Structures are given as structure tokens and as C-alpha cells.
Amino acid sequence: MNQENIQIVNYHGSSEWYFAANLNGVSHGFAVNKFEILKADNQWFECGQCADSASLYTCSVDSIIALPLSVRLTASDNNGAVTVITSNDAVSVFAYGIIHDFGSNFAASSSTTTTTSSSSTASSTTSNGAGQSITLTNRHSNTPWYYTVSVSADVASIEMKGSTQSTWTVGEYVSEFAGNYYRFEGSTEFVLPLSFRVTTSDGAVGTADALINSFDEGVSGTIVLPSNAPFEFSNNEEDGRLFGIVGLIVLIAVIVSVLIVAFAVWKCKQTKATVSVDEEVTIEYAVDPEMQLEEVDGGKVTQIDIETR
């Protein structure tokens, strides 16, 4: 998708009898004063501009519309010159949040009235954020102290910070009939350019530094999410308690093992080996009871009778 071109972002409730969309990326210095769609009977129908959001157009048609849908835009520049551009078959689906490339923009038009033909490129939301583009569009009445932005798709959160800020400010989600948006209010001034960080419901995170450099209504920027979503970590209380119990059990087991090893080493050092050998020696003699021993002692002969037990 060419970021220089106008983007048509489908809004809620579009069908064969109703169409609504946001216009993003209109050339600076041009004000769109007519948004038209081509009905199935080949007649152009002028849509109304939402009072609460100048970039949102609603088309309550008087006859059926069919896909693909052609769109014609008319705008005036600062000098009052009128430019008309048309994108044939610009809208290919009615699903909410789908972004279509208009194929051109007013600043690129070389004449007062220009018609361009282009094919629509739709960017759809995927489960892991792969290839998903999130477009942020300034709403009306923005100031350095109060800022609101429309988002082309449902997201979990949007954070913003000015060029002089080191921390992110979390946007407050606001739901209104005219359209949903995020609101930022801070105790310090938001200094241009503005950086954004978007997190989707499935954990994909996209960050764009210095994305928007104006508070003017209709100025937009697109964040392309990474192809791979980051690892998801659960903050569920039950999971936390489970992992806490398991961790405690493992810790106790390690401590007990260390104490057992330390005690064994200490016991080994304190104990001396004691060897005690008791032997009973039995000597058996075969003695003849009639045997007489003679002991010669100083020339004397003593007869000893040995009694056998």
C-alpha cells in the first residue's frame, strides 16, 4: 500500500444498503467537500459527513450498492481550486477495519479535474499481526495539551509520547455513536512529532517514532506490525499462584538436599575409624593321659601328671 495515497477505511455496519468509511491521508492543504459512491444502477450517491468526525462519511443509499465499489472525491485547496479524483472498484469488501488504497491523492493531481483508475488493496487483520497495518488519524480540536486519534482497527491499547517525553502516555478508549477513538491528556505538553506504540489483542506490538507531525484534523500515519508476534506471558492469578507453589517446592527441595550433603560431610570429618579385633585362639592338643613330662631343673627331675580336660 502506497502511503502517499488516500486510504479508505471501512467503518461499522457497511452492507448493500449502507456504507460508512473514514478517509485517511488526504493531502495537506486540501479539504474534502464531497464523498460519492457508485451504486449498482450506475448512479453516483453523495454521502454525508459526520458532525463529530470530519474524516467519517456515511452513505444511507436509496438503492442497492454492489461490490466492488467505486468512490469519487471532491476537494478544494487553500486557493479555492477544486479537484475531483475517482478510484474505480476501490472498495472490495464491507468488513470493518479493512483499509483500501484509493490509488492517488489530491496533491499528486496535475489538473483541476482528474479521474484515476486503480485496483483496491485490502489489508486484513491476522491472528499474529503478520502484515497488519494500523492507521491513526487525527480528529478535530487537537491541541498540545489534548489529543484524540481515530484507529482503523480494533486494538488492545495505544500509547503516545511527544518528542520531549521519555515515558509513554496510555490513551483512554472512548466509544461514541459517531466513532470510537483514543484520548490523551497529560500534565505536560505533547511536543511534535508524536510517536506511537500499538498493541493488538493477540499480543503483536508495533512502534512508530515521529509518526505524526501535526495536530491538524485528518493528518494520519500508519504503523505496520511485525511479522511475528512476541511471546505471550499470562498474568492470570491462578497461573501466578501455581507457579509460586511449584517454585516454593523446588526451593525447599534444593535447601534440604544441600543440608543433607553438608551434614554428611561434617559427620565424615568428626568420626574416626576404630578397629577392634577380638580373636579367640583355641589350641587343641592330643595328649596321651599316660604321658609324663620331665622337667629338668638344676639336675632334678620332676614328674608332672597332665590331666586331659
Foldseek 3Di string as FASTA:
>chain_A
DDLQFKKWFWAPDDDFQKGKTFIFNADPQKQWDWKWKQAPVRDIFTWDADPQFRRMTMGRDPDTHDALMKMKIWIAGPVRQIEIEIEPSQRGDNDALWMWGSPHHDVPDPDSYDYDYDHTDTQDADLFLARHKKKWFWGPPDDQFKGKIAISDDADWKWKAAPPDPDTFTWDWDDDPSHIITMGGDPDGRHPDMKMWTAHPNQWIWTDPRFHGDNDGRHMGMTRTDRGGDDDDDPDPVVVVVVVVVVVVVVVVVVVVVVVVVVVVVVVVVDDDDDDDDDDDDDDDDDDQVDWDWDQDPNDTDTDGDDDD
